[in-house]
């Protein structure tokens, strides 16, 4: 499993990277067909309430899966994004089962 982190207008955080990798490990263990993940952390300075954005793109056979969330802090954004990805992966796994 390969996880690439990109920090856009945000300071690099080892603790945030570790937290995200632990959450992604659960997905990689559950869905063995996953190849890699690209994680982007961005800050939206125009947003007054939220503004902490996490984008995750998963590489797997077939089209890539992408999810993003905008929350008040990055940990919540990571959890929300991974939850969205898990929903998409369940649908994709059903497609694999039928063939």
PDB file of N, CA and C in Angstrom:
ATOM      1  N   UNK A   1       0.842  -1.177   0.000  1.00  0.00           N
ATOM      2  CA  UNK A   1       0.000   0.000   0.000  1.00  0.00           C
ATOM      3  C   UNK A   1       0.890   1.243   0.000  1.00  0.00           C
ATOM      4  N   UNK A   2       0.558   2.155  -0.872  1.00  0.00           N
ATOM      5  CA  UNK A   2       1.292   3.408  -0.965  1.00  0.00           C
ATOM      6  C   UNK A   2       0.342   4.555  -0.655  1.00  0.00           C
ATOM      7  N   UNK A   3       0.750   5.427   0.258  1.00  0.00           N
ATOM      8  CA  UNK A   3      -0.049   6.605   0.572  1.00  0.00           C
ATOM      9  C   UNK A   3       0.816   7.832   0.325  1.00  0.00           C
ATOM     10  N   UNK A   4       0.351   8.710  -0.563  1.00  0.00           N
ATOM     11  CA  UNK A   4       1.051   9.948  -0.876  1.00  0.00           C
ATOM     12  C   UNK A   4       0.295  11.108  -0.228  1.00  0.00           C
ATOM     13  N   UNK A   5       1.019  11.934   0.507  1.00  0.00           N
ATOM     14  CA  UNK A   5       0.413  13.088   1.173  1.00  0.00           C
ATOM     15  C   UNK A   5       0.826  14.369   0.468  1.00  0.00           C
ATOM     16  N   UNK A   6      -0.145  15.265   0.289  1.00  0.00           N
ATOM     17  CA  UNK A   6       0.132  16.589  -0.259  1.00  0.00           C
ATOM     18  C   UNK A   6      -0.503  17.613   0.679  1.00  0.00           C
ATOM     19  N   UNK A   7       0.286  18.581   1.101  1.00  0.00           N
ATOM     20  CA  UNK A   7      -0.203  19.648   1.963  1.00  0.00           C
ATOM     21  C   UNK A   7      -0.205  20.941   1.154  1.00  0.00           C
ATOM     22  N   UNK A   8      -1.397  21.461   0.855  1.00  0.00           N
ATOM     23  CA  UNK A   8      -1.547  22.660   0.037  1.00  0.00           C
ATOM     24  C   UNK A   8      -1.865  23.834   0.963  1.00  0.00           C
ATOM     25  N   UNK A   9      -0.948  24.779   1.064  1.00  0.00           N
ATOM     26  CA  UNK A   9      -1.092  25.953   1.940  1.00  0.00           C
ATOM     27  C   UNK A   9      -1.306  25.564   3.402  1.00  0.00           C
ATOM     28  N   UNK A  10      -0.762  24.420   3.800  1.00  0.00           N
ATOM     29  CA  UNK A  10      -0.891  23.922   5.169  1.00  0.00           C
ATOM     30  C   UNK A  10       0.479  23.397   5.588  1.00  0.00           C
ATOM     31  N   UNK A  11       0.833  23.570   6.856  1.00  0.00           N
ATOM     32  CA  UNK A  11       2.085  23.026   7.358  1.00  0.00           C
ATOM     33  C   UNK A  11       1.998  21.503   7.439  1.00  0.00           C
ATOM     34  N   UNK A  12       3.102  20.827   7.122  1.00  0.00           N
ATOM     35  CA  UNK A  12       3.157  19.370   7.170  1.00  0.00           C
ATOM     36  C   UNK A  12       3.035  18.923   8.621  1.00  0.00           C
ATOM     37  N   UNK A  13       2.192  17.914   8.852  1.00  0.00           N
ATOM     38  CA  UNK A  13       1.960  17.422  10.202  1.00  0.00           C
ATOM     39  C   UNK A  13       2.148  15.907  10.234  1.00  0.00           C
ATOM     40  N   UNK A  14       3.153  15.462  10.991  1.00  0.00           N
ATOM     41  CA  UNK A  14       3.402  14.023  11.124  1.00  0.00           C
ATOM     42  C   UNK A  14       2.245  13.322  11.834  1.00  0.00           C
ATOM     43  N   UNK A  15       1.688  13.958  12.851  1.00  0.00           N
ATOM     44  CA  UNK A  15       0.594  13.321  13.595  1.00  0.00           C
ATOM     45  C   UNK A  15      -0.643  13.153  12.715  1.00  0.00           C
ATOM     46  N   UNK A  16      -0.915  14.138  11.866  1.00  0.00           N
ATOM     47  CA  UNK A  16      -2.047  14.046  10.947  1.00  0.00           C
ATOM     48  C   UNK A  16      -1.806  12.963   9.904  1.00  0.00           C
ATOM     49  N   UNK A  17      -0.588  12.865   9.411  1.00  0.00           N
ATOM     50  CA  UNK A  17      -0.243  11.815   8.447  1.00  0.00           C
ATOM     51  C   UNK A  17      -0.397  10.437   9.071  1.00  0.00           C
ATOM     52  N   UNK A  18       0.077  10.268  10.301  1.00  0.00           N
ATOM     53  CA  UNK A  18      -0.034   8.991  11.001  1.00  0.00           C
ATOM     54  C   UNK A  18      -1.493   8.629  11.248  1.00  0.00           C
ATOM     55  N   UNK A  19      -2.282   9.593  11.707  1.00  0.00           N
ATOM     56  CA  UNK A  19      -3.713   9.377  11.951  1.00  0.00           C
ATOM     57  C   UNK A  19      -4.413   8.909  10.671  1.00  0.00           C
ATOM     58  N   UNK A  20      -4.117   9.584   9.565  1.00  0.00           N
ATOM     59  CA  UNK A  20      -4.745   9.253   8.286  1.00  0.00           C
ATOM     60  C   UNK A  20      -4.311   7.874   7.805  1.00  0.00           C
ATOM     61  N   UNK A  21      -3.025   7.557   7.957  1.00  0.00           N
ATOM     62  CA  UNK A  21      -2.539   6.234   7.535  1.00  0.00           C
ATOM     63  C   UNK A  21      -3.197   5.119   8.330  1.00  0.00           C
ATOM     64  N   UNK A  22      -3.393   5.310   9.629  1.00  0.00           N
ATOM     65  CA  UNK A  22      -4.067   4.294  10.442  1.00  0.00           C
ATOM     66  C   UNK A  22      -5.482   4.058   9.943  1.00  0.00           C
ATOM     67  N   UNK A  23      -6.202   5.126   9.621  1.00  0.00           N
ATOM     68  CA  UNK A  23      -7.572   4.994   9.108  1.00  0.00           C
ATOM     69  C   UNK A  23      -7.577   4.309   7.740  1.00  0.00           C
ATOM     70  N   UNK A  24      -6.625   4.674   6.887  1.00  0.00           N
ATOM     71  CA  UNK A  24      -6.560   4.066   5.553  1.00  0.00           C
ATOM     72  C   UNK A  24      -6.139   2.598   5.608  1.00  0.00           C
ATOM     73  N   UNK A  25      -5.310   2.233   6.605  1.00  0.00           N
ATOM     74  CA  UNK A  25      -4.895   0.830   6.757  1.00  0.00           C
ATOM     75  C   UNK A  25      -6.100  -0.083   6.915  1.00  0.00           C
ATOM     76  N   UNK A  26      -7.098   0.376   7.654  1.00  0.00           N
ATOM     77  CA  UNK A  26      -8.309  -0.426   7.833  1.00  0.00           C
ATOM     78  C   UNK A  26      -8.992  -0.682   6.498  1.00  0.00           C
ATOM     79  N   UNK A  27      -9.046   0.352   5.645  1.00  0.00           N
ATOM     80  CA  UNK A  27      -9.639   0.173   4.308  1.00  0.00           C
ATOM     81  C   UNK A  27      -8.804  -0.781   3.462  1.00  0.00           C
ATOM     82  N   UNK A  28      -7.477  -0.611   3.493  1.00  0.00           N
ATOM     83  CA  UNK A  28      -6.608  -1.462   2.686  1.00  0.00           C
ATOM     84  C   UNK A  28      -6.674  -2.916   3.142  1.00  0.00           C
ATOM     85  N   UNK A  29      -6.864  -3.150   4.434  1.00  0.00           N
ATOM     86  CA  UNK A  29      -6.989  -4.517   4.929  1.00  0.00           C
ATOM     87  C   UNK A  29      -8.324  -5.138   4.537  1.00  0.00           C
ATOM     88  N   UNK A  30      -9.377  -4.347   4.515  1.00  0.00           N
ATOM     89  CA  UNK A  30     -10.712  -4.842   4.206  1.00  0.00           C
ATOM     90  C   UNK A  30     -10.908  -5.053   2.703  1.00  0.00           C
ATOM     91  N   UNK A  31     -10.326  -4.173   1.897  1.00  0.00           N
ATOM     92  CA  UNK A  31     -10.482  -4.232   0.443  1.00  0.00           C
ATOM     93  C   UNK A  31      -9.113  -4.467  -0.181  1.00  0.00           C
ATOM     94  N   UNK A  32      -8.800  -5.735  -0.449  1.00  0.00           N
ATOM     95  CA  UNK A  32      -7.464  -6.120  -0.891  1.00  0.00           C
ATOM     96  C   UNK A  32      -7.133  -5.654  -2.307  1.00  0.00           C
ATOM     97  N   UNK A  33      -8.128  -5.218  -3.071  1.00  0.00           N
ATOM     98  CA  UNK A  33      -7.870  -4.790  -4.445  1.00  0.00           C
ATOM     99  C   UNK A  33      -7.381  -3.339  -4.535  1.00  0.00           C
ATOM    100  N   UNK A  34      -7.284  -2.630  -3.419  1.00  0.00           N
ATOM    101  CA  UNK A  34      -6.793  -1.242  -3.439  1.00  0.00           C
ATOM    102  C   UNK A  34      -5.293  -1.211  -3.721  1.00  0.00           C
ATOM    103  N   UNK A  35      -4.872  -0.231  -4.515  1.00  0.00           N
ATOM    104  CA  UNK A  35      -3.464  -0.134  -4.903  1.00  0.00           C
ATOM    105  C   UNK A  35      -2.758   0.971  -4.123  1.00  0.00           C
ATOM    106  N   UNK A  36      -3.311   2.189  -4.168  1.00  0.00           N
ATOM    107  CA  UNK A  36      -2.663   3.312  -3.485  1.00  0.00           C
ATOM    108  C   UNK A  36      -3.679   4.397  -3.175  1.00  0.00           C
ATOM    109  N   UNK A  37      -3.228   5.379  -2.398  1.00  0.00           N
ATOM    110  CA  UNK A  37      -4.087   6.502  -2.026  1.00  0.00           C
ATOM    111  C   UNK A  37      -3.293   7.795  -2.131  1.00  0.00           C
ATOM    112  N   UNK A  38      -3.980   8.838  -2.574  1.00  0.00           N
ATOM    113  CA  UNK A  38      -3.407  10.185  -2.586  1.00  0.00           C
ATOM    114  C   UNK A  38      -4.267  11.047  -1.668  1.00  0.00           C
ATOM    115  N   UNK A  39      -3.640  11.619  -0.664  1.00  0.00           N
ATOM    116  CA  UNK A  39      -4.355  12.420   0.332  1.00  0.00           C
ATOM    117  C   UNK A  39      -3.887  13.861   0.207  1.00  0.00           C
ATOM    118  N   UNK A  40      -4.847  14.795   0.088  1.00  0.00           N
ATOM    119  CA  UNK A  40      -4.540  16.213   0.007  1.00  0.00           C
ATOM    120  C   UNK A  40      -5.210  16.949   1.160  1.00  0.00           C
ATOM    121  N   UNK A  41      -4.431  17.735   1.868  1.00  0.00           N
ATOM    122  CA  UNK A  41      -4.973  18.602   2.916  1.00  0.00           C
ATOM    123  C   UNK A  41      -4.868  20.037   2.428  1.00  0.00           C
ATOM    124  N   UNK A  42      -6.003  20.740   2.448  1.00  0.00           N
ATOM    125  CA  UNK A  42      -6.030  22.128   1.982  1.00  0.00           C
ATOM    126  C   UNK A  42      -6.753  22.988   3.004  1.00  0.00           C
ATOM    127  N   UNK A  43      -6.506  24.273   2.921  1.00  0.00           N
ATOM    128  CA  UNK A  43      -7.217  25.228   3.777  1.00  0.00           C
ATOM    129  C   UNK A  43      -7.935  26.218   2.873  1.00  0.00           C
ATOM    130  N   UNK A  44      -9.231  26.409   3.155  1.00  0.00           N
ATOM    131  CA  UNK A  44     -10.026  27.389   2.421  1.00  0.00           C
ATOM    132  C   UNK A  44     -10.143  28.626   3.305  1.00  0.00           C
ATOM    133  N   UNK A  45      -9.382  29.648   2.973  1.00  0.00           N
ATOM    134  CA  UNK A  45      -9.366  30.860   3.794  1.00  0.00           C
ATOM    135  C   UNK A  45     -10.634  31.690   3.655  1.00  0.00           C
ATOM    136  N   UNK A  46     -11.443  31.423   2.638  1.00  0.00           N
ATOM    137  CA  UNK A  46     -12.678  32.173   2.436  1.00  0.00           C
ATOM    138  C   UNK A  46     -13.821  31.662   3.300  1.00  0.00           C
ATOM    139  N   UNK A  47     -13.677  30.460   3.849  1.00  0.00           N
ATOM    140  CA  UNK A  47     -14.726  29.886   4.684  1.00  0.00           C
ATOM    141  C   UNK A  47     -14.539  30.353   6.122  1.00  0.00           C
ATOM    142  N   UNK A  48     -15.605  30.851   6.734  1.00  0.00           N
ATOM    143  CA  UNK A  48     -15.493  31.364   8.104  1.00  0.00           C
ATOM    144  C   UNK A  48     -15.836  30.327   9.156  1.00  0.00           C
ATOM    145  N   UNK A  49     -16.580  29.280   8.784  1.00  0.00           N
ATOM    146  CA  UNK A  49     -16.981  28.283   9.776  1.00  0.00           C
ATOM    147  C   UNK A  49     -16.156  27.016   9.674  1.00  0.00           C
ATOM    148  N   UNK A  50     -15.896  26.562   8.474  1.00  0.00           N
ATOM    149  CA  UNK A  50     -15.143  25.319   8.314  1.00  0.00           C
ATOM    150  C   UNK A  50     -13.801  25.627   7.678  1.00  0.00           C
ATOM    151  N   UNK A  51     -13.525  25.103   6.508  1.00  0.00           N
ATOM    152  CA  UNK A  51     -12.310  25.491   5.811  1.00  0.00           C
ATOM    153  C   UNK A  51     -11.176  24.497   5.850  1.00  0.00           C
ATOM    154  N   UNK A  52     -11.283  23.425   6.616  1.00  0.00           N
ATOM    155  CA  UNK A  52     -10.243  22.396   6.659  1.00  0.00           C
ATOM    156  C   UNK A  52     -10.693  21.284   5.712  1.00  0.00           C
ATOM    157  N   UNK A  53     -10.037  21.172   4.555  1.00  0.00           N
ATOM    158  CA  UNK A  53     -10.483  20.267   3.497  1.00  0.00           C
ATOM    159  C   UNK A  53      -9.539  19.079   3.379  1.00  0.00           C
ATOM    160  N   UNK A  54     -10.128  17.889   3.278  1.00  0.00           N
ATOM    161  CA  UNK A  54      -9.375  16.654   3.058  1.00  0.00           C
ATOM    162  C   UNK A  54      -9.919  15.990   1.799  1.00  0.00           C
ATOM    163  N   UNK A  55      -9.046  15.771   0.806  1.00  0.00           N
ATOM    164  CA  UNK A  55      -9.391  15.035  -0.411  1.00  0.00           C
ATOM    165  C   UNK A  55      -8.623  13.729  -0.394  1.00  0.00           C
ATOM    166  N   UNK A  56      -9.293  12.621  -0.687  1.00  0.00           N
ATOM    167  CA  UNK A  56      -8.611  11.335  -0.804  1.00  0.00           C
ATOM    168  C   UNK A  56      -9.040  10.693  -2.114  1.00  0.00           C
ATOM    169  N   UNK A  57      -8.050  10.246  -2.881  1.00  0.00           N
ATOM    170  CA  UNK A  57      -8.298   9.540  -4.134  1.00  0.00           C
ATOM    171  C   UNK A  57      -7.668   8.158  -4.024  1.00  0.00           C
ATOM    172  N   UNK A  58      -8.465   7.117  -4.259  1.00  0.00           N
ATOM    173  CA  UNK A  58      -7.984   5.743  -4.178  1.00  0.00           C
ATOM    174  C   UNK A  58      -7.774   5.177  -5.571  1.00  0.00           C
ATOM    175  N   UNK A  59      -6.633   4.522  -5.765  1.00  0.00           N
ATOM    176  CA  UNK A  59      -6.364   3.830  -7.022  1.00  0.00           C
ATOM    177  C   UNK A  59      -6.708   2.369  -6.844  1.00  0.00           C
ATOM    178  N   UNK A  60      -7.441   1.821  -7.796  1.00  0.00           N
ATOM    179  CA  UNK A  60      -7.841   0.430  -7.786  1.00  0.00           C
ATOM    180  C   UNK A  60      -8.160   0.031  -9.212  1.00  0.00           C
ATOM    181  N   UNK A  61      -8.340  -1.246  -9.500  1.00  0.00           N
ATOM    182  CA  UNK A  61      -8.699  -1.642 -10.866  1.00  0.00           C
ATOM    183  C   UNK A  61     -10.003  -0.960 -11.279  1.00  0.00           C
ATOM    184  N   UNK A  62     -10.023  -0.419 -12.487  1.00  0.00           N
ATOM    185  CA  UNK A  62     -11.205   0.306 -12.939  1.00  0.00           C
ATOM    186  C   UNK A  62     -11.054   1.782 -12.614  1.00  0.00           C
ATOM    187  N   UNK A  63     -12.171   2.516 -12.638  1.00  0.00           N
ATOM    188  CA  UNK A  63     -12.093   3.950 -12.341  1.00  0.00           C
ATOM    189  C   UNK A  63     -11.661   4.216 -10.900  1.00  0.00           C
ATOM    190  N   UNK A  64     -10.970   5.316 -10.701  1.00  0.00           N
ATOM    191  CA  UNK A  64     -10.545   5.703  -9.352  1.00  0.00           C
ATOM    192  C   UNK A  64     -11.738   6.175  -8.541  1.00  0.00           C
ATOM    193  N   UNK A  65     -11.583   6.110  -7.234  1.00  0.00           N
ATOM    194  CA  UNK A  65     -12.631   6.566  -6.316  1.00  0.00           C
ATOM    195  C   UNK A  65     -12.107   7.805  -5.609  1.00  0.00           C
ATOM    196  N   UNK A  66     -12.961   8.819  -5.509  1.00  0.00           N
ATOM    197  CA  UNK A  66     -12.558  10.092  -4.931  1.00  0.00           C
ATOM    198  C   UNK A  66     -13.616  10.576  -3.947  1.00  0.00           C
ATOM    199  N   UNK A  67     -13.168  11.163  -2.844  1.00  0.00           N
ATOM    200  CA  UNK A  67     -14.091  11.780  -1.886  1.00  0.00           C
ATOM    201  C   UNK A  67     -13.396  12.979  -1.256  1.00  0.00           C
ATOM    202  N   UNK A  68     -14.197  13.931  -0.839  1.00  0.00           N
ATOM    203  CA  UNK A  68     -13.669  15.123  -0.181  1.00  0.00           C
ATOM    204  C   UNK A  68     -14.637  15.564   0.897  1.00  0.00           C
ATOM    205  N   UNK A  69     -14.121  16.240   1.906  1.00  0.00           N
ATOM    206  CA  UNK A  69     -15.006  16.812   2.922  1.00  0.00           C
ATOM    207  C   UNK A  69     -14.363  18.077   3.477  1.00  0.00           C
ATOM    208  N   UNK A  70     -15.219  18.976   3.900  1.00  0.00           N
ATOM    209  CA  UNK A  70     -14.818  20.281   4.417  1.00  0.00           C
ATOM    210  C   UNK A  70     -15.381  20.382   5.833  1.00  0.00           C
ATOM    211  N   UNK A  71     -14.509  20.354   6.820  1.00  0.00           N
ATOM    212  CA  UNK A  71     -14.938  20.351   8.218  1.00  0.00           C
ATOM    213  C   UNK A  71     -14.182  21.418   9.002  1.00  0.00           C
ATOM    214  N   UNK A  72     -14.450  21.484  10.313  1.00  0.00           N
ATOM    215  CA  UNK A  72     -13.813  22.485  11.163  1.00  0.00           C
ATOM    216  C   UNK A  72     -12.394  22.089  11.577  1.00  0.00           C
ATOM    217  N   UNK A  73     -12.074  20.772  11.543  1.00  0.00           N
ATOM    218  CA  UNK A  73     -10.687  20.358  11.745  1.00  0.00           C
ATOM    219  C   UNK A  73     -10.367  19.148  10.867  1.00  0.00           C
ATOM    220  N   UNK A  74      -9.087  18.876  10.680  1.00  0.00           N
ATOM    221  CA  UNK A  74      -8.670  17.869   9.710  1.00  0.00           C
ATOM    222  C   UNK A  74      -9.031  16.444  10.131  1.00  0.00           C
ATOM    223  N   UNK A  75      -8.998  16.139  11.423  1.00  0.00           N
ATOM    224  CA  UNK A  75      -9.321  14.776  11.861  1.00  0.00           C
ATOM    225  C   UNK A  75     -10.761  14.410  11.506  1.00  0.00           C
ATOM    226  N   UNK A  76     -11.683  15.345  11.732  1.00  0.00           N
ATOM    227  CA  UNK A  76     -13.092  15.104  11.383  1.00  0.00           C
ATOM    228  C   UNK A  76     -13.222  14.985   9.866  1.00  0.00           C
ATOM    229  N   UNK A  77     -12.502  15.818   9.131  1.00  0.00           N
ATOM    230  CA  UNK A  77     -12.548  15.758   7.669  1.00  0.00           C
ATOM    231  C   UNK A  77     -12.038  14.410   7.154  1.00  0.00           C
ATOM    232  N   UNK A  78     -10.974  13.891   7.769  1.00  0.00           N
ATOM    233  CA  UNK A  78     -10.439  12.583   7.370  1.00  0.00           C
ATOM    234  C   UNK A  78     -11.474  11.498   7.624  1.00  0.00           C
ATOM    235  N   UNK A  79     -12.101  11.510   8.808  1.00  0.00           N
ATOM    236  CA  UNK A  79     -13.115  10.494   9.131  1.00  0.00           C
ATOM    237  C   UNK A  79     -14.282  10.533   8.150  1.00  0.00           C
ATOM    238  N   UNK A  80     -14.765  11.741   7.853  1.00  0.00           N
ATOM    239  CA  UNK A  80     -15.885  11.895   6.917  1.00  0.00           C
ATOM    240  C   UNK A  80     -15.514  11.410   5.518  1.00  0.00           C
ATOM    241  N   UNK A  81     -14.333  11.769   5.068  1.00  0.00           N
ATOM    242  CA  UNK A  81     -13.891  11.373   3.731  1.00  0.00           C
ATOM    243  C   UNK A  81     -13.750   9.861   3.634  1.00  0.00           C
ATOM    244  N   UNK A  82     -13.159   9.235   4.636  1.00  0.00           N
ATOM    245  CA  UNK A  82     -12.990   7.777   4.612  1.00  0.00           C
ATOM    246  C   UNK A  82     -14.340   7.083   4.699  1.00  0.00           C
ATOM    247  N   UNK A  83     -15.269   7.643   5.440  1.00  0.00           N
ATOM    248  CA  UNK A  83     -16.624   7.095   5.492  1.00  0.00           C
ATOM    249  C   UNK A  83     -17.277   7.124   4.105  1.00  0.00           C
ATOM    250  N   UNK A  84     -17.121   8.226   3.393  1.00  0.00           N
ATOM    251  CA  UNK A  84     -17.655   8.321   2.028  1.00  0.00           C
ATOM    252  C   UNK A  84     -16.984   7.312   1.104  1.00  0.00           C
ATOM    253  N   UNK A  85     -15.670   7.163   1.238  1.00  0.00           N
ATOM    254  CA  UNK A  85     -14.945   6.201   0.407  1.00  0.00           C
ATOM    255  C   UNK A  85     -15.411   4.775   0.688  1.00  0.00           C
ATOM    256  N   UNK A  86     -15.638   4.472   1.961  1.00  0.00           N
ATOM    257  CA  UNK A  86     -16.074   3.121   2.318  1.00  0.00           C
ATOM    258  C   UNK A  86     -17.418   2.796   1.676  1.00  0.00           C
ATOM    259  N   UNK A  87     -18.319   3.761   1.655  1.00  0.00           N
ATOM    260  CA  UNK A  87     -19.617   3.578   1.006  1.00  0.00           C
ATOM    261  C   UNK A  87     -19.423   3.253  -0.481  1.00  0.00           C
ATOM    262  N   UNK A  88     -18.540   3.993  -1.128  1.00  0.00           N
ATOM    263  CA  UNK A  88     -18.278   3.758  -2.549  1.00  0.00           C
ATOM    264  C   UNK A  88     -17.612   2.401  -2.782  1.00  0.00           C
ATOM    265  N   UNK A  89     -16.708   2.016  -1.869  1.00  0.00           N
ATOM    266  CA  UNK A  89     -16.022   0.731  -2.009  1.00  0.00           C
ATOM    267  C   UNK A  89     -16.982  -0.446  -1.849  1.00  0.00           C
ATOM    268  N   UNK A  90     -17.959  -0.322  -0.959  1.00  0.00           N
ATOM    269  CA  UNK A  90     -18.951  -1.389  -0.799  1.00  0.00           C
ATOM    270  C   UNK A  90     -19.717  -1.596  -2.104  1.00  0.00           C
ATOM    271  N   UNK A  91     -20.099  -0.499  -2.749  1.00  0.00           N
ATOM    272  CA  UNK A  91     -20.787  -0.606  -4.040  1.00  0.00           C
ATOM    273  C   UNK A  91     -19.879  -1.260  -5.079  1.00  0.00           C
ATOM    274  N   UNK A  92     -18.613  -0.860  -5.102  1.00  0.00           N
ATOM    275  CA  UNK A  92     -17.670  -1.412  -6.080  1.00  0.00           C
ATOM    276  C   UNK A  92     -17.447  -2.899  -5.836  1.00  0.00           C
ATOM    277  N   UNK A  93     -17.384  -3.301  -4.568  1.00  0.00           N
ATOM    278  CA  UNK A  93     -17.163  -4.708  -4.242  1.00  0.00           C
ATOM    279  C   UNK A  93     -18.346  -5.555  -4.708  1.00  0.00           C
ATOM    280  N   UNK A  94     -19.563  -5.031  -4.623  1.00  0.00           N
ATOM    281  CA  UNK A  94     -20.740  -5.742  -5.124  1.00  0.00           C
ATOM    282  C   UNK A  94     -20.616  -5.984  -6.624  1.00  0.00           C
ATOM    283  N   UNK A  95     -20.076  -5.025  -7.344  1.00  0.00           N
ATOM    284  CA  UNK A  95     -19.872  -5.189  -8.793  1.00  0.00           C
ATOM    285  C   UNK A  95     -18.899  -6.319  -9.046  1.00  0.00           C
ATOM    286  N   UNK A  96     -17.820  -6.394  -8.247  1.00  0.00           N
ATOM    287  CA  UNK A  96     -16.832  -7.458  -8.430  1.00  0.00           C
ATOM    288  C   UNK A  96     -17.422  -8.826  -8.130  1.00  0.00           C
ATOM    289  N   UNK A  97     -18.324  -8.914  -7.166  1.00  0.00           N
ATOM    290  CA  UNK A  97     -18.914 -10.200  -6.793  1.00  0.00           C
ATOM    291  C   UNK A  97     -19.788 -10.781  -7.895  1.00  0.00           C
ATOM    292  N   UNK A  98     -20.442  -9.933  -8.678  1.00  0.00           N
ATOM    293  CA  UNK A  98     -21.381 -10.429  -9.685  1.00  0.00           C
ATOM    294  C   UNK A  98     -20.679 -10.991 -10.912  1.00  0.00           C
ATOM    295  N   UNK A  99     -19.407 -10.662 -11.112  1.00  0.00           N
ATOM    296  CA  UNK A  99     -18.701 -11.137 -12.316  1.00  0.00           C
ATOM    297  C   UNK A  99     -17.821 -12.312 -12.025  1.00  0.00           C
TER     298      UNK A  99
END
